[in-house]
Amino acid sequence: MFLSVGVRFEANVEALNMVETAGNYGKHRRVPYLVEEDGRLKTVYVPAISGESLAHAYQEHLVREALSIGLPVCDDCQRGEFYKSMNKVHLEKKVSPIPEDPRAIEEAIVKACVVEDVGGFLYAEKPPVRRTSAFQVSYALPVKSVALFATSEPQLHARHAQMDASSKKGNASEQMIYYVETGTALYGFTFNLDLDAVGVSAITSKPIIDENEIKKRREASLKALFRMLSSSQFGAKLSRFFPVGGIRELVVVVTEHPFVVTSPIYDDYIEKTKKRLEVLNGLGEETFLAVADGEKVPEEALKEVIDYLHGKGAF
């Protein structure tokens, strides 16, 4: 089974994805973006949140969900350091001596860590072993129709330190001024999860772990995504720049084979997703759709998906 989620969320005065600091100025991530104005396409630069940032947050939630139900997570991932068995130093923490067979290496890593099972890894030694991530996530970008209203603006802050004549050194100032560039936008992003890839070898396409543990890992993967969305615990600087806003709309689709919802950067993404699903249904494929776009809150739609997958025996 394949799950695809389209999310629209409002974020006012956020610093979720910073890219660099130039002196006392912290810059928000911005990307070139196509918009249509007066019948013509043009490129503007808008605030954005990278897929890497969202993926890191998702994997942190996956760590907590996995540990809460007794699933294995390696020490590096438990600390939020997702090295992913990239070399011998990290792999030897899971298996020693290191096998020469790529299949044995993959099996050892998958059995030892849920995050590397779901999030994939690249062992860049001999023999090289790659496991593609079971989840995919886009950048969070402003919705097309209001992209020209998305903005980033520096906010002035100051830190103070009381100094007397005896403690002051050189030209040290009692006040440090700094700027944090904040973004405000109605964002949309897409998240996909291939449930059939969890616990299954990327080399042989055969299960590496038993069916019961595969089901537990699928459940942890779903709950991690839903927890991330419900809690808004993703991105940087949440302690002092927690975004004002929240999820405005959400659509979740479950299909037998890979299917991606129409991007939520478009205003008609829900209607187009429904039409595309009708075509699949006409071809005999079973699908499930849950939408939160009005009176229904996102958590209700997410629970509908969990209940549906429970009924299908996915976990």
C-alpha atoms as a PDB file:
ATOM      1  CA  MET A   1       0.000   0.000   0.000  1.00  0.00           C
ATOM      2  CA  PHE A   2       1.069   3.562  -0.728  1.00  0.00           C
ATOM      3  CA  LEU A   3       0.094   6.643   1.278  1.00  0.00           C
ATOM      4  CA  SER A   4       0.249  10.221  -0.007  1.00  0.00           C
ATOM      5  CA  VAL A   5      -0.520  13.352   2.012  1.00  0.00           C
ATOM      6  CA  GLY A   6      -1.000  16.937   0.844  1.00  0.00           C
ATOM      7  CA  VAL A   7      -0.825  19.591   3.565  1.00  0.00           C
ATOM      8  CA  ARG A   8      -1.571  23.301   3.598  1.00  0.00           C
ATOM      9  CA  PHE A   9      -0.509  25.215   6.687  1.00  0.00           C
ATOM     10  CA  GLU A  10      -0.362  28.863   7.628  1.00  0.00           C
ATOM     11  CA  ALA A  11       2.820  30.096   9.301  1.00  0.00           C
ATOM     12  CA  ASN A  12       3.137  33.685  10.449  1.00  0.00           C
ATOM     13  CA  VAL A  13       6.485  35.003  11.705  1.00  0.00           C
ATOM     14  CA  GLU A  14       8.380  31.717  11.417  1.00  0.00           C
ATOM     15  CA  ALA A  15      12.083  30.892  11.285  1.00  0.00           C
ATOM     16  CA  LEU A  16      11.626  27.217  10.442  1.00  0.00           C
ATOM     17  CA  ASN A  17      14.491  26.939   7.959  1.00  0.00           C
ATOM     18  CA  MET A  18      17.514  29.237   8.244  1.00  0.00           C
ATOM     19  CA  VAL A  19      20.393  28.876   5.785  1.00  0.00           C
ATOM     20  CA  GLU A  20      23.301  31.026   6.893  1.00  0.00           C
ATOM     21  CA  THR A  21      24.448  33.780   9.207  1.00  0.00           C
ATOM     22  CA  ALA A  22      26.257  36.803   7.819  1.00  0.00           C
ATOM     23  CA  GLY A  23      27.662  38.705  10.774  1.00  0.00           C
ATOM     24  CA  ASN A  24      24.693  39.394  13.033  1.00  0.00           C
ATOM     25  CA  TYR A  25      22.104  38.599  10.336  1.00  0.00           C
ATOM     26  CA  GLY A  26      20.423  35.164  10.137  1.00  0.00           C
ATOM     27  CA  LYS A  27      18.866  34.466   6.720  1.00  0.00           C
ATOM     28  CA  HIS A  28      15.701  32.476   6.018  1.00  0.00           C
ATOM     29  CA  ARG A  29      15.744  29.972   3.145  1.00  0.00           C
ATOM     30  CA  ARG A  30      14.378  31.438  -0.069  1.00  0.00           C
ATOM     31  CA  VAL A  31      13.888  29.797  -3.466  1.00  0.00           C
ATOM     32  CA  PRO A  32      13.044  30.909  -7.019  1.00  0.00           C
ATOM     33  CA  TYR A  33       9.369  30.298  -7.744  1.00  0.00           C
ATOM     34  CA  LEU A  34       7.203  30.585 -10.862  1.00  0.00           C
ATOM     35  CA  VAL A  35       4.018  32.640 -10.582  1.00  0.00           C
ATOM     36  CA  GLU A  36       1.593  33.985 -13.170  1.00  0.00           C
ATOM     37  CA  GLU A  37       0.787  37.686 -13.221  1.00  0.00           C
ATOM     38  CA  ASP A  38      -1.238  39.458 -15.915  1.00  0.00           C
ATOM     39  CA  GLY A  39      -1.160  36.316 -18.034  1.00  0.00           C
ATOM     40  CA  ARG A  40       2.622  36.022 -17.948  1.00  0.00           C
ATOM     41  CA  LEU A  41       4.954  33.788 -16.000  1.00  0.00           C
ATOM     42  CA  LYS A  42       7.644  35.364 -13.888  1.00  0.00           C
ATOM     43  CA  THR A  43      10.102  34.224 -11.238  1.00  0.00           C
ATOM     44  CA  VAL A  44       9.978  35.565  -7.703  1.00  0.00           C
ATOM     45  CA  TYR A  45      11.945  34.606  -4.606  1.00  0.00           C
ATOM     46  CA  VAL A  46       9.825  33.313  -1.744  1.00  0.00           C
ATOM     47  CA  PRO A  47      10.432  31.845   1.732  1.00  0.00           C
ATOM     48  CA  ALA A  48      10.559  28.044   1.797  1.00  0.00           C
ATOM     49  CA  ILE A  49      11.189  25.066   4.077  1.00  0.00           C
ATOM     50  CA  SER A  50      13.424  22.342   2.686  1.00  0.00           C
ATOM     51  CA  GLY A  51      12.473  18.700   2.363  1.00  0.00           C
ATOM     52  CA  GLU A  52      15.610  17.871   4.364  1.00  0.00           C
ATOM     53  CA  SER A  53      14.275  19.910   7.288  1.00  0.00           C
ATOM     54  CA  LEU A  54      10.873  18.188   7.188  1.00  0.00           C
ATOM     55  CA  ALA A  55      12.485  14.752   6.760  1.00  0.00           C
ATOM     56  CA  HIS A  56      14.743  15.299   9.772  1.00  0.00           C
ATOM     57  CA  ALA A  57      11.761  16.213  11.938  1.00  0.00           C
ATOM     58  CA  TYR A  58       9.800  13.186  10.712  1.00  0.00           C
ATOM     59  CA  GLN A  59      12.650  10.845  11.596  1.00  0.00           C
ATOM     60  CA  GLU A  60      12.917  12.358  15.083  1.00  0.00           C
ATOM     61  CA  HIS A  61       9.229  11.573  15.599  1.00  0.00           C
ATOM     62  CA  LEU A  62       9.811   8.086  14.178  1.00  0.00           C
ATOM     63  CA  VAL A  63      12.505   7.488  16.801  1.00  0.00           C
ATOM     64  CA  ARG A  64      10.089   8.300  19.619  1.00  0.00           C
ATOM     65  CA  GLU A  65       7.209   6.268  18.187  1.00  0.00           C
ATOM     66  CA  ALA A  66       9.458   3.250  17.554  1.00  0.00           C
ATOM     67  CA  LEU A  67      10.964   3.282  21.044  1.00  0.00           C
ATOM     68  CA  SER A  68       7.520   3.662  22.636  1.00  0.00           C
ATOM     69  CA  ILE A  69       6.452   0.260  21.254  1.00  0.00           C
ATOM     70  CA  GLY A  70       9.764  -1.508  21.801  1.00  0.00           C
ATOM     71  CA  LEU A  71      11.171  -1.396  18.258  1.00  0.00           C
ATOM     72  CA  PRO A  72      14.957  -1.207  17.705  1.00  0.00           C
ATOM     73  CA  VAL A  73      16.615   2.162  17.050  1.00  0.00           C
ATOM     74  CA  CYS A  74      20.400   2.580  16.840  1.00  0.00           C
ATOM     75  CA  ASP A  75      22.268   4.889  19.248  1.00  0.00           C
ATOM     76  CA  ASP A  76      23.064   7.496  16.581  1.00  0.00           C
ATOM     77  CA  CYS A  77      19.421   7.832  15.532  1.00  0.00           C
ATOM     78  CA  GLN A  78      18.272   7.973  19.161  1.00  0.00           C
ATOM     79  CA  ARG A  79      20.410  11.108  19.511  1.00  0.00           C
ATOM     80  CA  GLY A  80      18.879  12.612  16.369  1.00  0.00           C
ATOM     81  CA  GLU A  81      22.141  12.164  14.441  1.00  0.00           C
ATOM     82  CA  PHE A  82      21.054  10.383  11.284  1.00  0.00           C
ATOM     83  CA  TYR A  83      24.403   9.179   9.947  1.00  0.00           C
ATOM     84  CA  LYS A  84      22.661   6.085   8.549  1.00  0.00           C
ATOM     85  CA  SER A  85      25.552   3.557   8.668  1.00  0.00           C
ATOM     86  CA  MET A  86      27.428   5.662   6.129  1.00  0.00           C
ATOM     87  CA  ASN A  87      30.829   4.071   6.815  1.00  0.00           C
ATOM     88  CA  LYS A  88      32.597   1.292   8.715  1.00  0.00           C
ATOM     89  CA  VAL A  89      32.818   3.311  11.927  1.00  0.00           C
ATOM     90  CA  HIS A  90      29.031   3.579  12.187  1.00  0.00           C
ATOM     91  CA  LEU A  91      28.232   0.157  10.734  1.00  0.00           C
ATOM     92  CA  GLU A  92      30.500  -1.647  13.218  1.00  0.00           C
ATOM     93  CA  LYS A  93      28.212  -0.414  15.989  1.00  0.00           C
ATOM     94  CA  LYS A  94      25.527  -2.675  14.502  1.00  0.00           C
ATOM     95  CA  VAL A  95      27.478  -5.664  13.172  1.00  0.00           C
ATOM     96  CA  SER A  96      31.076  -6.800  13.649  1.00  0.00           C
ATOM     97  CA  PRO A  97      32.859  -8.146  11.719  1.00  0.00           C
ATOM     98  CA  ILE A  98      31.244  -6.445   8.735  1.00  0.00           C
ATOM     99  CA  PRO A  99      29.936  -9.020   6.205  1.00  0.00           C
ATOM    100  CA  GLU A 100      31.207  -8.997   2.621  1.00  0.00           C
ATOM    101  CA  ASP A 101      27.770  -9.756   1.147  1.00  0.00           C
ATOM    102  CA  PRO A 102      25.679  -6.593   0.468  1.00  0.00           C
ATOM    103  CA  ARG A 103      22.508  -8.516   1.344  1.00  0.00           C
ATOM    104  CA  ALA A 104      23.903  -9.422   4.757  1.00  0.00           C
ATOM    105  CA  ILE A 105      24.908  -5.793   5.383  1.00  0.00           C
ATOM    106  CA  GLU A 106      21.429  -4.527   4.519  1.00  0.00           C
ATOM    107  CA  GLU A 107      19.812  -7.203   6.681  1.00  0.00           C
ATOM    108  CA  ALA A 108      21.967  -6.313   9.696  1.00  0.00           C
ATOM    109  CA  ILE A 109      21.193  -2.599   9.399  1.00  0.00           C
ATOM    110  CA  VAL A 110      17.448  -3.024   8.868  1.00  0.00           C
ATOM    111  CA  LYS A 111      17.129  -5.404  11.812  1.00  0.00           C
ATOM    112  CA  ALA A 112      19.069  -3.018  14.056  1.00  0.00           C
ATOM    113  CA  CYS A 113      17.282   0.259  13.281  1.00  0.00           C
ATOM    114  CA  VAL A 114      13.740   1.208  12.256  1.00  0.00           C
ATOM    115  CA  VAL A 115      14.848   4.669  11.109  1.00  0.00           C
ATOM    116  CA  GLU A 116      17.325   3.233   8.609  1.00  0.00           C
ATOM    117  CA  ASP A 117      14.690   0.747   7.465  1.00  0.00           C
ATOM    118  CA  VAL A 118      12.135   3.494   6.762  1.00  0.00           C
ATOM    119  CA  GLY A 119      14.487   6.391   5.990  1.00  0.00           C
ATOM    120  CA  GLY A 120      17.037   4.475   3.945  1.00  0.00           C
ATOM    121  CA  PHE A 121      20.841   4.651   4.053  1.00  0.00           C
ATOM    122  CA  LEU A 122      23.971   4.661   1.894  1.00  0.00           C
ATOM    123  CA  TYR A 123      26.912   2.577   3.086  1.00  0.00           C
ATOM    124  CA  ALA A 124      29.740   4.226   1.120  1.00  0.00           C
ATOM    125  CA  GLU A 125      32.417   1.574   1.581  1.00  0.00           C
ATOM    126  CA  LYS A 126      33.243  -1.679  -0.204  1.00  0.00           C
ATOM    127  CA  PRO A 127      30.876  -3.203  -1.054  1.00  0.00           C
ATOM    128  CA  PRO A 128      28.621  -0.122  -1.349  1.00  0.00           C
ATOM    129  CA  VAL A 129      25.052  -0.732  -0.176  1.00  0.00           C
ATOM    130  CA  ARG A 130      22.134   1.624  -0.794  1.00  0.00           C
ATOM    131  CA  ARG A 131      18.616   1.437   0.567  1.00  0.00           C
ATOM    132  CA  THR A 132      16.174   3.988  -0.849  1.00  0.00           C
ATOM    133  CA  SER A 133      13.992   5.806   1.664  1.00  0.00           C
ATOM    134  CA  ALA A 134      10.434   4.497   1.988  1.00  0.00           C
ATOM    135  CA  PHE A 135       9.214   8.068   2.482  1.00  0.00           C
ATOM    136  CA  GLN A 136       9.440  11.110   0.226  1.00  0.00           C
ATOM    137  CA  VAL A 137       8.855  14.737   1.164  1.00  0.00           C
ATOM    138  CA  SER A 138       8.776  17.911  -0.904  1.00  0.00           C
ATOM    139  CA  TYR A 139       9.836  21.429  -0.016  1.00  0.00           C
ATOM    140  CA  ALA A 140       7.122  23.446   1.702  1.00  0.00           C
ATOM    141  CA  LEU A 141       6.363  26.290  -0.727  1.00  0.00           C
ATOM    142  CA  PRO A 142       3.846  29.145  -0.745  1.00  0.00           C
ATOM    143  CA  VAL A 143       0.470  28.424  -2.337  1.00  0.00           C
ATOM    144  CA  LYS A 144       0.496  29.706  -5.935  1.00  0.00           C
ATOM    145  CA  SER A 145      -2.517  32.010  -5.667  1.00  0.00           C
ATOM    146  CA  VAL A 146      -1.044  33.936  -2.730  1.00  0.00           C
ATOM    147  CA  ALA A 147       2.676  33.456  -3.388  1.00  0.00           C
ATOM    148  CA  LEU A 148       3.155  37.166  -4.094  1.00  0.00           C
ATOM    149  CA  PHE A 149       2.007  37.880  -0.534  1.00  0.00           C
ATOM    150  CA  ALA A 150       4.577  35.512   0.987  1.00  0.00           C
ATOM    151  CA  THR A 151       7.361  37.528   2.535  1.00  0.00           C
ATOM    152  CA  SER A 152      10.506  37.387   4.630  1.00  0.00           C
ATOM    153  CA  GLU A 153      11.456  40.265   6.889  1.00  0.00           C
ATOM    154  CA  PRO A 154      14.282  40.712   9.439  1.00  0.00           C
ATOM    155  CA  GLN A 155      13.323  41.141  13.082  1.00  0.00           C
ATOM    156  CA  LEU A 156      15.611  43.157  15.348  1.00  0.00           C
ATOM    157  CA  HIS A 157      16.621  41.623  18.681  1.00  0.00           C
ATOM    158  CA  ALA A 158      19.098  42.589  21.374  1.00  0.00           C
ATOM    159  CA  ARG A 159      20.876  40.775  24.182  1.00  0.00           C
ATOM    160  CA  HIS A 160      22.106  42.671  27.220  1.00  0.00           C
ATOM    161  CA  ALA A 161      24.891  41.964  29.695  1.00  0.00           C
ATOM    162  CA  GLN A 162      25.505  44.151  32.723  1.00  0.00           C
ATOM    163  CA  MET A 163      29.151  45.212  32.963  1.00  0.00           C
ATOM    164  CA  ASP A 164      31.031  47.322  35.462  1.00  0.00           C
ATOM    165  CA  ALA A 165      34.318  49.037  34.757  1.00  0.00           C
ATOM    166  CA  SER A 166      36.379  46.193  36.236  1.00  0.00           C
ATOM    167  CA  SER A 167      34.794  43.440  34.096  1.00  0.00           C
ATOM    168  CA  LYS A 168      34.666  45.283  30.770  1.00  0.00           C
ATOM    169  CA  LYS A 169      37.363  44.249  28.302  1.00  0.00           C
ATOM    170  CA  GLY A 170      38.447  46.284  25.301  1.00  0.00           C
ATOM    171  CA  ASN A 171      35.550  47.492  23.181  1.00  0.00           C
ATOM    172  CA  ALA A 172      33.084  44.898  24.482  1.00  0.00           C
ATOM    173  CA  SER A 173      29.534  46.255  24.420  1.00  0.00           C
ATOM    174  CA  GLU A 174      26.833  45.735  27.000  1.00  0.00           C
ATOM    175  CA  GLN A 175      24.331  45.251  24.185  1.00  0.00           C
ATOM    176  CA  MET A 176      24.488  42.841  21.229  1.00  0.00           C
ATOM    177  CA  ILE A 177      22.123  43.569  18.364  1.00  0.00           C
ATOM    178  CA  TYR A 178      21.192  40.814  15.913  1.00  0.00           C
ATOM    179  CA  TYR A 179      18.602  40.171  13.205  1.00  0.00           C
ATOM    180  CA  VAL A 180      16.581  37.036  12.471  1.00  0.00           C
ATOM    181  CA  GLU A 181      14.873  36.920   9.086  1.00  0.00           C
ATOM    182  CA  THR A 182      11.342  35.565   9.522  1.00  0.00           C
ATOM    183  CA  GLY A 183       8.951  34.269   6.895  1.00  0.00           C
ATOM    184  CA  THR A 184       5.178  34.488   6.604  1.00  0.00           C
ATOM    185  CA  ALA A 185       3.253  32.394   4.087  1.00  0.00           C
ATOM    186  CA  LEU A 186       0.504  29.898   3.422  1.00  0.00           C
ATOM    187  CA  TYR A 187       2.643  26.835   2.672  1.00  0.00           C
ATOM    188  CA  GLY A 188       1.889  23.557   0.941  1.00  0.00           C
ATOM    189  CA  PHE A 189       3.908  20.340   0.868  1.00  0.00           C
ATOM    190  CA  THR A 190       3.536  16.673  -0.063  1.00  0.00           C
ATOM    191  CA  PHE A 191       4.591  13.607   1.927  1.00  0.00           C
ATOM    192  CA  ASN A 192       4.554  10.045   0.532  1.00  0.00           C
ATOM    193  CA  LEU A 193       5.080   6.751   2.360  1.00  0.00           C
ATOM    194  CA  ASP A 194       5.507   3.372   0.668  1.00  0.00           C
ATOM    195  CA  LEU A 195       4.197   0.962   3.301  1.00  0.00           C
ATOM    196  CA  ASP A 196       5.116  -2.056   1.163  1.00  0.00           C
ATOM    197  CA  ALA A 197       8.826  -1.122   1.376  1.00  0.00           C
ATOM    198  CA  VAL A 198       9.008  -1.275   5.178  1.00  0.00           C
ATOM    199  CA  GLY A 199      10.959  -4.291   6.414  1.00  0.00           C
ATOM    200  CA  VAL A 200      11.547  -5.543   2.863  1.00  0.00           C
ATOM    201  CA  SER A 201      14.965  -5.886   1.211  1.00  0.00           C
ATOM    202  CA  ALA A 202      15.799  -3.326  -1.474  1.00  0.00           C
ATOM    203  CA  ILE A 203      18.112  -5.929  -3.024  1.00  0.00           C
ATOM    204  CA  THR A 204      16.014  -9.109  -3.055  1.00  0.00           C
ATOM    205  CA  SER A 205      12.493  -7.626  -2.550  1.00  0.00           C
ATOM    206  CA  LYS A 206      11.940 -10.242   0.173  1.00  0.00           C
ATOM    207  CA  PRO A 207      11.013  -9.576   3.828  1.00  0.00           C
ATOM    208  CA  ILE A 208      13.976  -9.150   6.171  1.00  0.00           C
ATOM    209  CA  ILE A 209      11.954  -9.298   9.391  1.00  0.00           C
ATOM    210  CA  ASP A 210       8.817 -11.208  10.379  1.00  0.00           C
ATOM    211  CA  GLU A 211       5.324 -10.011   9.471  1.00  0.00           C
ATOM    212  CA  ASN A 212       4.393  -8.914  13.002  1.00  0.00           C
ATOM    213  CA  GLU A 213       7.379  -6.593  13.269  1.00  0.00           C
ATOM    214  CA  ILE A 214       6.737  -5.225   9.779  1.00  0.00           C
ATOM    215  CA  LYS A 215       3.223  -4.277  10.903  1.00  0.00           C
ATOM    216  CA  LYS A 216       4.586  -2.590  14.038  1.00  0.00           C
ATOM    217  CA  ARG A 217       7.068  -0.606  11.957  1.00  0.00           C
ATOM    218  CA  ARG A 218       4.355   0.501   9.552  1.00  0.00           C
ATOM    219  CA  GLU A 219       2.230   1.672  12.459  1.00  0.00           C
ATOM    220  CA  ALA A 220       5.152   3.586  13.974  1.00  0.00           C
ATOM    221  CA  SER A 221       5.858   5.189  10.577  1.00  0.00           C
ATOM    222  CA  LEU A 222       2.274   6.402  10.243  1.00  0.00           C
ATOM    223  CA  LYS A 223       1.966   7.631  13.807  1.00  0.00           C
ATOM    224  CA  ALA A 224       5.249   9.544  13.462  1.00  0.00           C
ATOM    225  CA  LEU A 225       3.864  11.414  10.451  1.00  0.00           C
ATOM    226  CA  PHE A 226       0.550  12.129  12.121  1.00  0.00           C
ATOM    227  CA  ARG A 227       2.262  13.246  15.340  1.00  0.00           C
ATOM    228  CA  MET A 228       4.500  15.622  13.385  1.00  0.00           C
ATOM    229  CA  LEU A 229       1.508  17.190  11.624  1.00  0.00           C
ATOM    230  CA  SER A 230      -0.712  17.385  14.693  1.00  0.00           C
ATOM    231  CA  SER A 231       1.974  18.865  16.954  1.00  0.00           C
ATOM    232  CA  SER A 232       3.623  21.184  14.384  1.00  0.00           C
ATOM    233  CA  GLN A 233       6.943  20.008  15.787  1.00  0.00           C
ATOM    234  CA  PHE A 234       9.136  20.471  12.736  1.00  0.00           C
ATOM    235  CA  GLY A 235      11.680  23.034  11.634  1.00  0.00           C
ATOM    236  CA  ALA A 236      14.136  25.263  13.483  1.00  0.00           C
ATOM    237  CA  LYS A 237      13.872  27.929  16.190  1.00  0.00           C
ATOM    238  CA  LEU A 238      10.610  26.642  17.655  1.00  0.00           C
ATOM    239  CA  SER A 239      11.572  27.754  21.156  1.00  0.00           C
ATOM    240  CA  ARG A 240      11.303  31.490  20.358  1.00  0.00           C
ATOM    241  CA  PHE A 241       9.801  31.629  16.854  1.00  0.00           C
ATOM    242  CA  PHE A 242       7.032  29.052  17.048  1.00  0.00           C
ATOM    243  CA  PRO A 243       4.879  29.817  13.982  1.00  0.00           C
ATOM    244  CA  VAL A 244       1.506  31.453  14.528  1.00  0.00           C
ATOM    245  CA  GLY A 245      -1.055  29.547  12.479  1.00  0.00           C
ATOM    246  CA  GLY A 246      -1.579  25.854  11.789  1.00  0.00           C
ATOM    247  CA  ILE A 247      -2.918  23.343   9.284  1.00  0.00           C
ATOM    248  CA  ARG A 248      -5.623  24.859   7.092  1.00  0.00           C
ATOM    249  CA  GLU A 249      -6.316  21.861   4.827  1.00  0.00           C
ATOM    250  CA  LEU A 250      -5.166  18.286   4.487  1.00  0.00           C
ATOM    251  CA  VAL A 251      -5.831  15.427   2.072  1.00  0.00           C
ATOM    252  CA  VAL A 252      -4.683  11.819   2.558  1.00  0.00           C
ATOM    253  CA  VAL A 253      -4.901   9.074  -0.061  1.00  0.00           C
ATOM    254  CA  VAL A 254      -4.184   5.355   0.312  1.00  0.00           C
ATOM    255  CA  THR A 255      -3.772   3.299  -2.856  1.00  0.00           C
ATOM    256  CA  GLU A 256      -2.616  -0.188  -3.798  1.00  0.00           C
ATOM    257  CA  HIS A 257       0.195   1.183  -5.964  1.00  0.00           C
ATOM    258  CA  PRO A 258       2.157   4.465  -5.943  1.00  0.00           C
ATOM    259  CA  PHE A 259      -0.074   7.520  -6.384  1.00  0.00           C
ATOM    260  CA  VAL A 260       0.774  11.087  -5.381  1.00  0.00           C
ATOM    261  CA  VAL A 261      -1.865  13.670  -4.498  1.00  0.00           C
ATOM    262  CA  THR A 262      -2.008  16.805  -6.622  1.00  0.00           C
ATOM    263  CA  SER A 263       0.322  19.356  -5.050  1.00  0.00           C
ATOM    264  CA  PRO A 264      -1.379  21.543  -2.424  1.00  0.00           C
ATOM    265  CA  ILE A 265       0.287  24.634  -3.887  1.00  0.00           C
ATOM    266  CA  TYR A 266      -2.666  24.661  -6.325  1.00  0.00           C
ATOM    267  CA  ASP A 267      -6.104  25.838  -5.142  1.00  0.00           C
ATOM    268  CA  ASP A 268      -7.959  22.968  -6.834  1.00  0.00           C
ATOM    269  CA  TYR A 269      -5.665  20.209  -5.532  1.00  0.00           C
ATOM    270  CA  ILE A 270      -8.429  18.403  -3.619  1.00  0.00           C
ATOM    271  CA  GLU A 271     -10.843  18.372  -6.567  1.00  0.00           C
ATOM    272  CA  LYS A 272      -8.145  17.231  -8.995  1.00  0.00           C
ATOM    273  CA  THR A 273      -7.007  14.498  -6.610  1.00  0.00           C
ATOM    274  CA  LYS A 274     -10.592  13.223  -6.389  1.00  0.00           C
ATOM    275  CA  LYS A 275     -10.945  13.173 -10.198  1.00  0.00           C
ATOM    276  CA  ARG A 276      -7.685  11.276 -10.584  1.00  0.00           C
ATOM    277  CA  LEU A 277      -8.820   8.728  -8.012  1.00  0.00           C
ATOM    278  CA  GLU A 278     -12.084   8.222  -9.905  1.00  0.00           C
ATOM    279  CA  VAL A 279     -10.024   7.147 -12.920  1.00  0.00           C
ATOM    280  CA  LEU A 280      -8.116   4.628 -10.798  1.00  0.00           C
ATOM    281  CA  ASN A 281     -11.369   3.314  -9.345  1.00  0.00           C
ATOM    282  CA  GLY A 282     -12.675   2.861 -12.880  1.00  0.00           C
ATOM    283  CA  LEU A 283      -9.652   0.674 -13.602  1.00  0.00           C
ATOM    284  CA  GLY A 284     -10.518  -1.563 -10.660  1.00  0.00           C
ATOM    285  CA  GLU A 285      -7.996  -0.248  -8.139  1.00  0.00           C
ATOM    286  CA  GLU A 286      -9.184   0.215  -4.563  1.00  0.00           C
ATOM    287  CA  THR A 287      -8.469   3.642  -3.071  1.00  0.00           C
ATOM    288  CA  PHE A 288      -9.219   5.540   0.127  1.00  0.00           C
ATOM    289  CA  LEU A 289      -9.534   9.302   0.551  1.00  0.00           C
ATOM    290  CA  ALA A 290      -9.725  11.415   3.709  1.00  0.00           C
ATOM    291  CA  VAL A 291     -10.049  15.199   3.599  1.00  0.00           C
ATOM    292  CA  ALA A 292      -9.952  17.918   6.252  1.00  0.00           C
ATOM    293  CA  ASP A 293     -10.905  21.201   4.584  1.00  0.00           C
ATOM    294  CA  GLY A 294     -13.712  22.686   6.640  1.00  0.00           C
ATOM    295  CA  GLU A 295     -15.502  21.475   9.751  1.00  0.00           C
ATOM    296  CA  LYS A 296     -13.400  18.309   9.981  1.00  0.00           C
ATOM    297  CA  VAL A 297     -10.113  18.846  11.830  1.00  0.00           C
ATOM    298  CA  PRO A 298      -6.889  17.252  10.515  1.00  0.00           C
ATOM    299  CA  GLU A 299      -6.737  14.740  13.360  1.00  0.00           C
ATOM    300  CA  GLU A 300     -10.125  13.315  12.336  1.00  0.00           C
ATOM    301  CA  ALA A 301      -8.952  12.717   8.771  1.00  0.00           C
ATOM    302  CA  LEU A 302      -5.717  11.154   9.996  1.00  0.00           C
ATOM    303  CA  LYS A 303      -7.622   8.817  12.329  1.00  0.00           C
ATOM    304  CA  GLU A 304      -9.841   7.718   9.439  1.00  0.00           C
ATOM    305  CA  VAL A 305      -6.702   6.621   7.590  1.00  0.00           C
ATOM    306  CA  ILE A 306      -5.378   4.687  10.586  1.00  0.00           C
ATOM    307  CA  ASP A 307      -8.741   2.942  11.026  1.00  0.00           C
ATOM    308  CA  TYR A 308      -8.857   2.073   7.311  1.00  0.00           C
ATOM    309  CA  LEU A 309      -5.358   0.586   7.340  1.00  0.00           C
ATOM    310  CA  HIS A 310      -6.146  -1.338  10.536  1.00  0.00           C
ATOM    311  CA  GLY A 311      -9.148  -2.823   8.788  1.00  0.00           C
ATOM    312  CA  LYS A 312      -6.986  -3.789   5.805  1.00  0.00           C
ATOM    313  CA  GLY A 313      -4.505  -5.571   8.060  1.00  0.00           C
ATOM    314  CA  ALA A 314      -1.618  -3.242   7.192  1.00  0.00           C
ATOM    315  CA  PHE A 315      -0.720  -3.208  10.895  1.00  0.00           C
END
